[in-house]
Amino acid sequence: MAFIEENVELALRVVHRASILESGRTILEGPSADLLASAEVKDIFLGH
């Protein structure tokens, strides 16, 4: 099943595992808890 959402934080709170795409390419992939804790995800997508 696929869950497509532009709100990265919402998506990562709903699913157990995720792939983050940019321009049709996978740039990050893994367990959602790990992605939420990732400095890269926080900087790029969450504005922290």
PDB file of N, CA and C in Angstrom:
ATOM      1  N   MET A   1       0.835  -1.163   0.000  1.00  0.00           N
ATOM      2  CA  MET A   1       0.000   0.000   0.000  1.00  0.00           C
ATOM      3  C   MET A   1       0.889   1.238   0.000  1.00  0.00           C
ATOM      4  N   ALA A   2       0.456   2.263  -0.669  1.00  0.00           N
ATOM      5  CA  ALA A   2       1.193   3.522  -0.728  1.00  0.00           C
ATOM      6  C   ALA A   2       0.413   4.616  -0.016  1.00  0.00           C
ATOM      7  N   PHE A   3       1.132   5.475   0.674  1.00  0.00           N
ATOM      8  CA  PHE A   3       0.557   6.651   1.329  1.00  0.00           C
ATOM      9  C   PHE A   3       1.349   7.827   0.803  1.00  0.00           C
ATOM     10  N   ILE A   4       0.709   8.671   0.043  1.00  0.00           N
ATOM     11  CA  ILE A   4       1.397   9.807  -0.571  1.00  0.00           C
ATOM     12  C   ILE A   4       0.923  11.076   0.122  1.00  0.00           C
ATOM     13  N   GLU A   5       1.884  11.830   0.646  1.00  0.00           N
ATOM     14  CA  GLU A   5       1.541  13.019   1.422  1.00  0.00           C
ATOM     15  C   GLU A   5       2.670  14.028   1.303  1.00  0.00           C
ATOM     16  N   GLU A   6       2.326  15.298   1.102  1.00  0.00           N
ATOM     17  CA  GLU A   6       3.335  16.349   1.020  1.00  0.00           C
ATOM     18  C   GLU A   6       3.844  16.768   2.393  1.00  0.00           C
ATOM     19  N   ASN A   7       3.044  16.575   3.423  1.00  0.00           N
ATOM     20  CA  ASN A   7       3.427  16.931   4.785  1.00  0.00           C
ATOM     21  C   ASN A   7       4.266  15.786   5.355  1.00  0.00           C
ATOM     22  N   VAL A   8       5.572  15.953   5.331  1.00  0.00           N
ATOM     23  CA  VAL A   8       6.497  14.886   5.728  1.00  0.00           C
ATOM     24  C   VAL A   8       6.300  14.488   7.186  1.00  0.00           C
ATOM     25  N   GLU A   9       6.138  15.451   8.062  1.00  0.00           N
ATOM     26  CA  GLU A   9       5.969  15.111   9.483  1.00  0.00           C
ATOM     27  C   GLU A   9       4.705  14.277   9.696  1.00  0.00           C
ATOM     28  N   LEU A  10       3.603  14.669   9.085  1.00  0.00           N
ATOM     29  CA  LEU A  10       2.362  13.898   9.196  1.00  0.00           C
ATOM     30  C   LEU A  10       2.557  12.487   8.660  1.00  0.00           C
ATOM     31  N   ALA A  11       3.139  12.376   7.489  1.00  0.00           N
ATOM     32  CA  ALA A  11       3.341  11.059   6.873  1.00  0.00           C
ATOM     33  C   ALA A  11       4.189  10.156   7.763  1.00  0.00           C
ATOM     34  N   LEU A  12       5.253  10.693   8.326  1.00  0.00           N
ATOM     35  CA  LEU A  12       6.141   9.880   9.153  1.00  0.00           C
ATOM     36  C   LEU A  12       5.509   9.490  10.486  1.00  0.00           C
ATOM     37  N   ARG A  13       4.502  10.208  10.907  1.00  0.00           N
ATOM     38  CA  ARG A  13       3.794   9.845  12.142  1.00  0.00           C
ATOM     39  C   ARG A  13       2.720   8.786  11.887  1.00  0.00           C
ATOM     40  N   VAL A  14       2.314   8.613  10.626  1.00  0.00           N
ATOM     41  CA  VAL A  14       1.249   7.665  10.274  1.00  0.00           C
ATOM     42  C   VAL A  14       1.796   6.289   9.896  1.00  0.00           C
ATOM     43  N   VAL A  15       2.933   6.261   9.222  1.00  0.00           N
ATOM     44  CA  VAL A  15       3.460   4.998   8.690  1.00  0.00           C
ATOM     45  C   VAL A  15       4.598   4.457   9.558  1.00  0.00           C
ATOM     46  N   HIS A  16       4.934   3.189   9.342  1.00  0.00           N
ATOM     47  CA  HIS A  16       6.039   2.562  10.081  1.00  0.00           C
ATOM     48  C   HIS A  16       7.358   2.663   9.322  1.00  0.00           C
ATOM     49  N   ARG A  17       7.277   2.723   8.010  1.00  0.00           N
ATOM     50  CA  ARG A  17       8.465   2.780   7.154  1.00  0.00           C
ATOM     51  C   ARG A  17       8.161   3.728   6.004  1.00  0.00           C
ATOM     52  N   ALA A  18       9.169   4.474   5.549  1.00  0.00           N
ATOM     53  CA  ALA A  18       8.910   5.470   4.515  1.00  0.00           C
ATOM     54  C   ALA A  18      10.062   5.596   3.536  1.00  0.00           C
ATOM     55  N   SER A  19       9.714   6.055   2.363  1.00  0.00           N
ATOM     56  CA  SER A  19      10.676   6.480   1.351  1.00  0.00           C
ATOM     57  C   SER A  19      10.342   7.931   1.044  1.00  0.00           C
ATOM     58  N   ILE A  20      11.339   8.788   1.078  1.00  0.00           N
ATOM     59  CA  ILE A  20      11.143  10.198   0.758  1.00  0.00           C
ATOM     60  C   ILE A  20      11.725  10.427  -0.627  1.00  0.00           C
ATOM     61  N   LEU A  21      10.885  10.959  -1.506  1.00  0.00           N
ATOM     62  CA  LEU A  21      11.271  11.161  -2.895  1.00  0.00           C
ATOM     63  C   LEU A  21      11.474  12.636  -3.183  1.00  0.00           C
ATOM     64  N   GLU A  22      12.403  12.907  -4.090  1.00  0.00           N
ATOM     65  CA  GLU A  22      12.617  14.252  -4.605  1.00  0.00           C
ATOM     66  C   GLU A  22      12.853  14.120  -6.096  1.00  0.00           C
ATOM     67  N   SER A  23      12.055  14.796  -6.878  1.00  0.00           N
ATOM     68  CA  SER A  23      12.145  14.728  -8.340  1.00  0.00           C
ATOM     69  C   SER A  23      12.084  13.289  -8.838  1.00  0.00           C
ATOM     70  N   GLY A  24      11.245  12.481  -8.204  1.00  0.00           N
ATOM     71  CA  GLY A  24      11.046  11.103  -8.633  1.00  0.00           C
ATOM     72  C   GLY A  24      12.115  10.120  -8.188  1.00  0.00           C
ATOM     73  N   ARG A  25      13.061  10.573  -7.395  1.00  0.00           N
ATOM     74  CA  ARG A  25      14.138   9.694  -6.911  1.00  0.00           C
ATOM     75  C   ARG A  25      14.077   9.568  -5.392  1.00  0.00           C
ATOM     76  N   THR A  26      14.370   8.368  -4.906  1.00  0.00           N
ATOM     77  CA  THR A  26      14.403   8.138  -3.465  1.00  0.00           C
ATOM     78  C   THR A  26      15.650   8.789  -2.889  1.00  0.00           C
ATOM     79  N   ILE A  27      15.451   9.714  -1.945  1.00  0.00           N
ATOM     80  CA  ILE A  27      16.606  10.368  -1.322  1.00  0.00           C
ATOM     81  C   ILE A  27      16.837   9.878   0.104  1.00  0.00           C
ATOM     82  N   LEU A  28      15.782   9.396   0.759  1.00  0.00           N
ATOM     83  CA  LEU A  28      15.892   8.839   2.107  1.00  0.00           C
ATOM     84  C   LEU A  28      14.892   7.707   2.240  1.00  0.00           C
ATOM     85  N   GLU A  29      15.263   6.700   3.019  1.00  0.00           N
ATOM     86  CA  GLU A  29      14.382   5.553   3.190  1.00  0.00           C
ATOM     87  C   GLU A  29      14.705   4.881   4.516  1.00  0.00           C
ATOM     88  N   GLY A  30      13.679   4.407   5.207  1.00  0.00           N
ATOM     89  CA  GLY A  30      13.911   3.681   6.444  1.00  0.00           C
ATOM     90  C   GLY A  30      12.717   3.733   7.369  1.00  0.00           C
ATOM     91  N   PRO A  31      12.899   3.232   8.598  1.00  0.00           N
ATOM     92  CA  PRO A  31      11.831   3.293   9.592  1.00  0.00           C
ATOM     93  C   PRO A  31      11.454   4.755   9.863  1.00  0.00           C
ATOM     94  N   SER A  32      10.173   5.025   9.974  1.00  0.00           N
ATOM     95  CA  SER A  32       9.723   6.408  10.137  1.00  0.00           C
ATOM     96  C   SER A  32      10.284   7.056  11.402  1.00  0.00           C
ATOM     97  N   ALA A  33      10.417   6.307  12.485  1.00  0.00           N
ATOM     98  CA  ALA A  33      10.981   6.874  13.718  1.00  0.00           C
ATOM     99  C   ALA A  33      12.415   7.348  13.490  1.00  0.00           C
ATOM    100  N   ASP A  34      13.182   6.578  12.728  1.00  0.00           N
ATOM    101  CA  ASP A  34      14.561   6.970  12.419  1.00  0.00           C
ATOM    102  C   ASP A  34      14.586   8.214  11.540  1.00  0.00           C
ATOM    103  N   LEU A  35      13.683   8.279  10.577  1.00  0.00           N
ATOM    104  CA  LEU A  35      13.635   9.439   9.687  1.00  0.00           C
ATOM    105  C   LEU A  35      13.211  10.692  10.452  1.00  0.00           C
ATOM    106  N   LEU A  36      12.236  10.564  11.351  1.00  0.00           N
ATOM    107  CA  LEU A  36      11.812  11.712  12.163  1.00  0.00           C
ATOM    108  C   LEU A  36      12.950  12.230  13.036  1.00  0.00           C
ATOM    109  N   ALA A  37      13.817  11.352  13.484  1.00  0.00           N
ATOM    110  CA  ALA A  37      14.943  11.736  14.338  1.00  0.00           C
ATOM    111  C   ALA A  37      16.146  12.234  13.538  1.00  0.00           C
ATOM    112  N   SER A  38      16.125  12.049  12.239  1.00  0.00           N
ATOM    113  CA  SER A  38      17.250  12.394  11.372  1.00  0.00           C
ATOM    114  C   SER A  38      17.452  13.907  11.280  1.00  0.00           C
ATOM    115  N   ALA A  39      18.676  14.343  11.483  1.00  0.00           N
ATOM    116  CA  ALA A  39      19.001  15.764  11.356  1.00  0.00           C
ATOM    117  C   ALA A  39      18.708  16.257   9.944  1.00  0.00           C
ATOM    118  N   GLU A  40      18.960  15.422   8.948  1.00  0.00           N
ATOM    119  CA  GLU A  40      18.714  15.806   7.552  1.00  0.00           C
ATOM    120  C   GLU A  40      17.229  16.068   7.310  1.00  0.00           C
ATOM    121  N   VAL A  41      16.371  15.192   7.803  1.00  0.00           N
ATOM    122  CA  VAL A  41      14.922  15.384   7.646  1.00  0.00           C
ATOM    123  C   VAL A  41      14.479  16.634   8.398  1.00  0.00           C
ATOM    124  N   LYS A  42      14.978  16.812   9.605  1.00  0.00           N
ATOM    125  CA  LYS A  42      14.613  17.997  10.390  1.00  0.00           C
ATOM    126  C   LYS A  42      15.017  19.278   9.676  1.00  0.00           C
ATOM    127  N   ASP A  43      16.222  19.326   9.136  1.00  0.00           N
ATOM    128  CA  ASP A  43      16.712  20.528   8.455  1.00  0.00           C
ATOM    129  C   ASP A  43      15.957  20.814   7.165  1.00  0.00           C
ATOM    130  N   ILE A  44      15.758  19.791   6.347  1.00  0.00           N
ATOM    131  CA  ILE A  44      15.175  19.991   5.022  1.00  0.00           C
ATOM    132  C   ILE A  44      13.657  20.120   5.064  1.00  0.00           C
ATOM    133  N   PHE A  45      12.995  19.248   5.814  1.00  0.00           N
ATOM    134  CA  PHE A  45      11.546  19.145   5.718  1.00  0.00           C
ATOM    135  C   PHE A  45      10.776  19.701   6.906  1.00  0.00           C
ATOM    136  N   LEU A  46      11.382  19.738   8.076  1.00  0.00           N
ATOM    137  CA  LEU A  46      10.641  20.146   9.262  1.00  0.00           C
ATOM    138  C   LEU A  46      11.022  21.536   9.758  1.00  0.00           C
ATOM    139  N   GLY A  47      12.028  22.134   9.143  1.00  0.00           N
ATOM    140  CA  GLY A  47      12.420  23.485   9.503  1.00  0.00           C
ATOM    141  C   GLY A  47      12.989  23.640  10.901  1.00  0.00           C
ATOM    142  N   HIS A  48      13.616  22.589  11.415  1.00  0.00           N
ATOM    143  CA  HIS A  48      14.210  22.652  12.764  1.00  0.00           C
ATOM    144  C   HIS A  48      15.693  22.858  12.678  1.00  0.00           C
TER     145      HIS A  48
END
